[in-house]
Amino acid sequence: MKIKNQRVFFNEQYENWVNSVDKNKLRIMEQSIELLRIGKQDSVLDVACGIGVLYPLLRNIPIRRYIAIDISEKMLEEFARQYKIAI
């Protein structure tokens, strides 16, 4: 799939991502973050952040910087809307 087509696809599908994370996936993400031992000296680059699934798991951890990027403008807009942050 070409990048342009990926952007179109994810812009059309972003609403489906809102309810796509179940408790099992969330638990796996929490465990992964624990294993990484992210701390106050660390920065996190969330590539393909989508609607910000990792953000609520990371926002209470004292980290230096959190940067989220995604190919889909709609995903980023939803991320910003959910967490009331500027994009």
N, C-alpha and C. Protein backbone atom coordinates (compact mmCIF):
# COMPACT_ATOMS: atom_id res chain seq x y z
N MET A 1 0.84 -1.17 0.00
CA MET A 1 0.00 0.00 0.00
C MET A 1 0.89 1.24 0.00
N LYS A 2 0.60 2.16 -0.89
CA LYS A 2 1.37 3.40 -0.96
C LYS A 2 1.03 4.30 0.22
N ILE A 3 1.96 5.18 0.56
CA ILE A 3 1.75 6.06 1.72
C ILE A 3 0.50 6.90 1.56
N LYS A 4 0.25 7.43 0.38
CA LYS A 4 -0.96 8.23 0.17
C LYS A 4 -2.19 7.39 0.48
N ASN A 5 -2.20 6.14 0.01
CA ASN A 5 -3.34 5.27 0.27
C ASN A 5 -3.47 4.94 1.75
N GLN A 6 -2.35 4.79 2.46
CA GLN A 6 -2.40 4.53 3.90
C GLN A 6 -3.03 5.72 4.62
N ARG A 7 -2.65 6.91 4.25
CA ARG A 7 -3.22 8.11 4.87
C ARG A 7 -4.72 8.14 4.66
N VAL A 8 -5.16 7.90 3.44
CA VAL A 8 -6.60 7.90 3.14
C VAL A 8 -7.29 6.82 3.96
N PHE A 9 -6.73 5.62 3.99
CA PHE A 9 -7.32 4.51 4.74
C PHE A 9 -7.50 4.88 6.22
N PHE A 10 -6.43 5.35 6.86
CA PHE A 10 -6.51 5.64 8.28
C PHE A 10 -7.37 6.87 8.57
N ASN A 11 -7.41 7.82 7.66
CA ASN A 11 -8.32 8.96 7.84
C ASN A 11 -9.77 8.50 7.79
N GLU A 12 -10.06 7.49 6.98
CA GLU A 12 -11.43 6.97 6.89
C GLU A 12 -11.77 6.05 8.06
N GLN A 13 -10.78 5.41 8.65
CA GLN A 13 -11.02 4.40 9.69
C GLN A 13 -10.83 4.89 11.12
N TYR A 14 -10.46 6.15 11.31
CA TYR A 14 -10.08 6.60 12.66
C TYR A 14 -11.18 6.38 13.69
N GLU A 15 -12.44 6.51 13.31
CA GLU A 15 -13.53 6.32 14.28
C GLU A 15 -13.57 4.89 14.81
N ASN A 16 -13.18 3.93 13.99
CA ASN A 16 -13.16 2.53 14.43
C ASN A 16 -12.10 2.29 15.49
N TRP A 17 -11.05 3.09 15.49
CA TRP A 17 -9.96 2.91 16.45
C TRP A 17 -10.38 3.33 17.86
N VAL A 18 -11.35 4.21 17.97
CA VAL A 18 -11.77 4.71 19.27
C VAL A 18 -12.18 3.57 20.20
N ASN A 19 -12.87 2.59 19.67
CA ASN A 19 -13.35 1.47 20.49
C ASN A 19 -12.59 0.17 20.23
N SER A 20 -11.43 0.26 19.60
CA SER A 20 -10.73 -0.96 19.20
C SER A 20 -9.80 -1.54 20.26
N VAL A 21 -9.52 -0.81 21.32
CA VAL A 21 -8.58 -1.29 22.33
C VAL A 21 -9.36 -1.96 23.45
N ASP A 22 -9.20 -3.28 23.54
CA ASP A 22 -9.87 -4.00 24.62
C ASP A 22 -8.96 -4.09 25.84
N LYS A 23 -9.48 -4.62 26.93
CA LYS A 23 -8.73 -4.69 28.19
C LYS A 23 -7.47 -5.53 28.07
N ASN A 24 -7.51 -6.58 27.27
CA ASN A 24 -6.34 -7.44 27.09
C ASN A 24 -5.21 -6.68 26.40
N LYS A 25 -5.53 -5.96 25.34
CA LYS A 25 -4.52 -5.16 24.63
C LYS A 25 -3.95 -4.08 25.55
N LEU A 26 -4.82 -3.47 26.33
CA LEU A 26 -4.38 -2.43 27.26
C LEU A 26 -3.43 -3.00 28.31
N ARG A 27 -3.73 -4.17 28.82
CA ARG A 27 -2.87 -4.82 29.80
C ARG A 27 -1.50 -5.12 29.21
N ILE A 28 -1.47 -5.59 27.97
CA ILE A 28 -0.20 -5.88 27.29
C ILE A 28 0.61 -4.60 27.13
N MET A 29 -0.05 -3.51 26.76
CA MET A 29 0.66 -2.23 26.62
C MET A 29 1.21 -1.76 27.96
N GLU A 30 0.43 -1.89 29.02
CA GLU A 30 0.89 -1.50 30.36
C GLU A 30 2.12 -2.31 30.77
N GLN A 31 2.08 -3.62 30.52
CA GLN A 31 3.21 -4.48 30.87
C GLN A 31 4.44 -4.11 30.05
N SER A 32 4.25 -3.78 28.79
CA SER A 32 5.37 -3.39 27.93
C SER A 32 6.02 -2.11 28.45
N ILE A 33 5.21 -1.16 28.85
CA ILE A 33 5.74 0.10 29.39
C ILE A 33 6.51 -0.15 30.68
N GLU A 34 5.99 -1.02 31.53
CA GLU A 34 6.70 -1.37 32.77
C GLU A 34 8.06 -1.99 32.46
N LEU A 35 8.11 -2.89 31.48
CA LEU A 35 9.37 -3.54 31.12
C LEU A 35 10.40 -2.55 30.59
N LEU A 36 9.94 -1.51 29.94
CA LEU A 36 10.86 -0.50 29.39
C LEU A 36 11.47 0.38 30.47
N ARG A 37 10.84 0.41 31.64
CA ARG A 37 11.34 1.22 32.77
C ARG A 37 11.60 2.67 32.37
N ILE A 38 10.60 3.26 31.77
CA ILE A 38 10.69 4.64 31.32
C ILE A 38 10.74 5.55 32.55
N GLY A 39 11.66 6.50 32.53
CA GLY A 39 11.82 7.40 33.67
C GLY A 39 11.96 8.85 33.28
N LYS A 40 12.24 9.69 34.27
CA LYS A 40 12.24 11.14 34.06
C LYS A 40 13.33 11.63 33.12
N GLN A 41 14.34 10.84 32.87
CA GLN A 41 15.40 11.23 31.93
C GLN A 41 15.08 10.81 30.49
N ASP A 42 13.98 10.08 30.31
CA ASP A 42 13.65 9.51 29.00
C ASP A 42 12.67 10.39 28.23
N SER A 43 12.81 10.32 26.91
CA SER A 43 11.84 10.90 25.99
C SER A 43 11.18 9.74 25.26
N VAL A 44 9.91 9.91 24.91
CA VAL A 44 9.17 8.87 24.20
C VAL A 44 8.73 9.41 22.86
N LEU A 45 9.06 8.69 21.79
CA LEU A 45 8.58 9.00 20.45
C LEU A 45 7.56 7.94 20.09
N ASP A 46 6.30 8.33 20.04
CA ASP A 46 5.20 7.42 19.75
C ASP A 46 4.89 7.49 18.26
N VAL A 47 5.54 6.62 17.49
CA VAL A 47 5.38 6.59 16.03
C VAL A 47 4.10 5.82 15.70
N ALA A 48 3.31 6.37 14.80
CA ALA A 48 2.00 5.80 14.45
C ALA A 48 1.12 5.80 15.69
N CYS A 49 1.06 6.94 16.36
CA CYS A 49 0.34 7.07 17.63
C CYS A 49 -1.16 6.90 17.49
N GLY A 50 -1.68 7.06 16.27
CA GLY A 50 -3.11 6.91 16.08
C GLY A 50 -3.89 7.90 16.92
N ILE A 51 -4.88 7.40 17.65
CA ILE A 51 -5.72 8.26 18.48
C ILE A 51 -5.16 8.44 19.88
N GLY A 52 -3.94 8.00 20.11
CA GLY A 52 -3.28 8.23 21.39
C GLY A 52 -3.51 7.15 22.42
N VAL A 53 -3.54 5.91 22.00
CA VAL A 53 -3.80 4.80 22.91
C VAL A 53 -2.77 4.73 24.04
N LEU A 54 -1.51 5.01 23.72
CA LEU A 54 -0.46 4.94 24.75
C LEU A 54 -0.44 6.16 25.66
N TYR A 55 -0.95 7.27 25.19
CA TYR A 55 -0.84 8.52 25.95
C TYR A 55 -1.36 8.43 27.38
N PRO A 56 -2.56 7.89 27.62
CA PRO A 56 -3.02 7.83 29.01
C PRO A 56 -2.16 6.94 29.90
N LEU A 57 -1.45 6.00 29.30
CA LEU A 57 -0.56 5.13 30.08
C LEU A 57 0.75 5.83 30.41
N LEU A 58 1.11 6.82 29.61
CA LEU A 58 2.39 7.51 29.78
C LEU A 58 2.28 8.87 30.46
N ARG A 59 1.13 9.49 30.43
CA ARG A 59 1.04 10.87 30.89
C ARG A 59 1.27 11.04 32.39
N ASN A 60 1.13 10.00 33.16
CA ASN A 60 1.38 10.10 34.60
C ASN A 60 2.77 9.63 35.00
N ILE A 61 3.56 9.22 34.02
CA ILE A 61 4.95 8.83 34.27
C ILE A 61 5.80 10.08 34.07
N PRO A 62 6.66 10.40 35.01
CA PRO A 62 7.50 11.60 34.84
C PRO A 62 8.57 11.36 33.77
N ILE A 63 8.29 11.81 32.55
CA ILE A 63 9.26 11.68 31.46
C ILE A 63 9.65 13.07 30.98
N ARG A 64 10.78 13.13 30.32
CA ARG A 64 11.28 14.41 29.82
C ARG A 64 10.37 14.97 28.73
N ARG A 65 10.01 14.13 27.77
CA ARG A 65 9.26 14.62 26.60
C ARG A 65 8.48 13.46 25.99
N TYR A 66 7.28 13.79 25.49
CA TYR A 66 6.46 12.82 24.76
C TYR A 66 6.13 13.45 23.41
N ILE A 67 6.50 12.76 22.34
CA ILE A 67 6.23 13.24 20.99
C ILE A 67 5.42 12.17 20.27
N ALA A 68 4.30 12.57 19.71
CA ALA A 68 3.43 11.64 19.00
C ALA A 68 3.33 12.07 17.53
N ILE A 69 3.52 11.11 16.63
CA ILE A 69 3.38 11.39 15.20
C ILE A 69 2.52 10.31 14.55
N ASP A 70 1.81 10.71 13.51
CA ASP A 70 0.98 9.77 12.77
C ASP A 70 0.78 10.30 11.36
N ILE A 71 0.57 9.40 10.42
CA ILE A 71 0.34 9.77 9.03
C ILE A 71 -1.08 10.34 8.83
N SER A 72 -1.98 10.00 9.73
CA SER A 72 -3.39 10.37 9.58
C SER A 72 -3.74 11.64 10.36
N GLU A 73 -4.15 12.65 9.64
CA GLU A 73 -4.57 13.89 10.29
C GLU A 73 -5.79 13.65 11.18
N LYS A 74 -6.70 12.80 10.72
CA LYS A 74 -7.92 12.51 11.48
C LYS A 74 -7.59 11.81 12.80
N MET A 75 -6.63 10.89 12.77
CA MET A 75 -6.21 10.22 14.01
C MET A 75 -5.64 11.24 14.98
N LEU A 76 -4.79 12.14 14.49
CA LEU A 76 -4.19 13.16 15.36
C LEU A 76 -5.25 14.12 15.90
N GLU A 77 -6.22 14.47 15.07
CA GLU A 77 -7.30 15.35 15.54
C GLU A 77 -8.10 14.68 16.65
N GLU A 78 -8.38 13.39 16.49
CA GLU A 78 -9.11 12.65 17.52
C GLU A 78 -8.29 12.56 18.80
N PHE A 79 -7.00 12.32 18.67
CA PHE A 79 -6.08 12.29 19.81
C PHE A 79 -6.19 13.61 20.57
N ALA A 80 -6.05 14.71 19.85
CA ALA A 80 -6.10 16.04 20.47
C ALA A 80 -7.46 16.31 21.11
N ARG A 81 -8.52 15.88 20.47
CA ARG A 81 -9.87 16.10 21.01
C ARG A 81 -10.06 15.32 22.31
N GLN A 82 -9.67 14.04 22.30
CA GLN A 82 -9.86 13.19 23.48
C GLN A 82 -9.12 13.71 24.70
N TYR A 83 -7.91 14.17 24.50
CA TYR A 83 -7.05 14.53 25.63
C TYR A 83 -6.87 16.04 25.78
N LYS A 84 -7.62 16.80 24.97
CA LYS A 84 -7.60 18.26 25.05
C LYS A 84 -6.18 18.82 25.02
N ILE A 85 -5.46 18.41 23.99
CA ILE A 85 -4.10 18.89 23.79
C ILE A 85 -3.97 19.50 22.41
N ALA A 86 -3.01 20.36 22.23
CA ALA A 86 -2.78 21.00 20.94
C ALA A 86 -1.97 20.07 20.05
N ILE A 87 -2.27 20.12 18.75
CA ILE A 87 -1.47 19.34 17.80
C ILE A 87 -0.74 20.29 16.88
